[in-house]
Amino acid sequence: MAKVLTIASTLGLVDGTRGPGGGYWLRRRPQDITLLDIVQEFERSDRQVLCPFGPDWCGKGAPCPLHKKFESMDTDWMHYLRTTTLAVFVRAPLPPAAPKRRSA
């Protein structure tokens, strides 16, 4: 986890302090950080959709029967990562608890 947070810190996503009172916090608002901001640092960057049948099928001649579907899924996935922010993980604050009544 420390390595992930160190990378997030170099990306300007989090700040942190060491020690007993230390910890990590977001440097930007959750709605300003997309999932792509995070994922792109940990995933391969070549963005090539790999054929499940190996390079001998899609790499030579017509694409495999799944090729277009995989491309579509990849496009949808990238759209999701670009448009979804960390705000989806933030719960709305709970309303303050009502004061307890004293029984008579």
Protein backbone atom coordinates (compact mmCIF):
# COMPACT_ATOMS: atom_id res chain seq x y z
CA MET A 1 0.00 0.00 0.00
CA ALA A 2 2.86 2.35 0.75
CA LYS A 3 4.14 2.00 -2.83
CA VAL A 4 0.70 2.80 -4.26
CA LEU A 5 0.38 5.87 -2.02
CA THR A 6 3.89 7.00 -2.95
CA ILE A 7 2.98 6.85 -6.64
CA ALA A 8 -0.33 8.65 -5.94
CA SER A 9 1.67 11.33 -4.13
CA THR A 10 4.03 11.84 -7.08
CA LEU A 11 0.95 12.22 -9.30
CA GLY A 12 -0.34 14.98 -7.04
CA LEU A 13 -3.36 12.94 -5.95
CA VAL A 14 -2.53 12.61 -2.24
CA ASP A 15 -0.43 14.23 0.44
CA GLY A 16 0.80 12.59 3.56
CA THR A 17 2.73 12.96 6.76
CA ARG A 18 4.64 10.39 8.76
CA GLY A 19 4.42 9.65 12.40
CA PRO A 20 1.78 8.81 14.98
CA GLY A 21 -0.59 11.57 13.87
CA GLY A 22 0.25 11.12 10.20
CA GLY A 23 -1.67 9.66 7.34
CA TYR A 24 -2.73 10.34 3.78
CA TRP A 25 -5.45 12.58 2.34
CA LEU A 26 -6.58 13.62 -1.11
CA ARG A 27 -4.98 16.77 -2.53
CA ARG A 28 -7.96 17.37 -4.81
CA ARG A 29 -11.67 16.94 -4.38
CA PRO A 30 -12.86 13.38 -5.14
CA GLN A 31 -15.01 14.68 -8.01
CA ASP A 32 -11.86 16.12 -9.63
CA ILE A 33 -9.98 12.79 -9.74
CA THR A 34 -11.04 10.30 -12.43
CA LEU A 35 -10.44 6.60 -12.16
CA LEU A 36 -8.31 6.96 -15.29
CA ASP A 37 -6.02 9.36 -13.40
CA ILE A 38 -5.18 6.44 -11.15
CA VAL A 39 -5.45 3.41 -13.42
CA GLN A 40 -3.23 4.76 -16.18
CA GLU A 41 -0.25 4.75 -13.81
CA PHE A 42 -0.64 1.08 -12.95
CA GLU A 43 -1.81 -0.46 -16.23
CA ARG A 44 -0.01 -1.10 -19.50
CA SER A 45 -0.02 1.88 -21.79
CA ASP A 46 0.07 0.17 -25.19
CA ARG A 47 -3.74 -0.12 -25.20
CA GLN A 48 -3.71 -3.00 -27.67
CA VAL A 49 -6.73 -5.27 -27.42
CA LEU A 50 -5.33 -8.80 -27.27
CA CYS A 51 -6.94 -11.63 -29.21
CA PRO A 52 -7.91 -14.62 -27.04
CA PHE A 53 -6.92 -16.89 -29.95
CA GLY A 54 -3.37 -15.58 -30.05
CA PRO A 55 -1.42 -13.53 -32.59
CA ASP A 56 -1.78 -16.19 -35.29
CA TRP A 57 -5.43 -15.30 -35.82
CA CYS A 58 -5.94 -11.52 -35.45
CA GLY A 59 -2.38 -10.73 -36.38
CA LYS A 60 -2.75 -12.37 -39.78
CA GLY A 61 -5.70 -11.88 -42.12
CA ALA A 62 -9.26 -11.21 -40.93
CA PRO A 63 -9.85 -10.49 -37.24
CA CYS A 64 -11.22 -13.22 -34.98
CA PRO A 65 -14.99 -13.45 -34.31
CA LEU A 66 -14.59 -11.68 -30.94
CA HIS A 67 -12.34 -8.84 -32.13
CA LYS A 68 -15.00 -6.17 -32.67
CA LYS A 69 -16.74 -7.04 -29.38
CA PHE A 70 -13.45 -6.76 -27.47
CA GLU A 71 -12.74 -3.40 -29.11
CA SER A 72 -16.21 -2.20 -28.12
CA MET A 73 -15.75 -3.40 -24.53
CA ASP A 74 -12.37 -1.66 -24.37
CA THR A 75 -13.90 1.60 -25.63
CA ASP A 76 -16.70 1.35 -23.06
CA TRP A 77 -14.18 0.63 -20.29
CA MET A 78 -12.04 3.63 -21.21
CA HIS A 79 -15.14 5.85 -21.28
CA TYR A 80 -16.10 4.60 -17.82
CA LEU A 81 -12.62 5.33 -16.43
CA ARG A 82 -12.57 8.83 -18.00
CA THR A 83 -16.01 9.81 -16.75
CA THR A 84 -16.12 8.17 -13.30
CA THR A 85 -14.52 9.99 -10.39
CA LEU A 86 -13.59 9.05 -6.85
CA ALA A 87 -16.80 10.80 -5.78
CA VAL A 88 -18.66 7.52 -6.43
CA PHE A 89 -16.88 6.13 -3.36
CA VAL A 90 -17.79 8.99 -1.05
CA ARG A 91 -20.87 8.52 1.07
CA ALA A 92 -23.04 11.49 1.83
CA PRO A 93 -22.55 12.68 5.40
CA LEU A 94 -25.10 11.32 7.81
CA PRO A 95 -27.54 13.84 9.28
CA PRO A 96 -26.87 14.73 12.91
CA ALA A 97 -28.49 12.38 15.38
CA ALA A 98 -31.63 13.65 17.05
CA PRO A 99 -31.13 14.50 20.73
CA LYS A 100 -32.18 11.70 23.06
CA ARG A 101 -35.34 12.32 25.02
CA ARG A 102 -35.40 11.77 28.70
CA SER A 103 -38.08 9.46 29.96
CA ALA A 104 -40.35 10.82 32.60
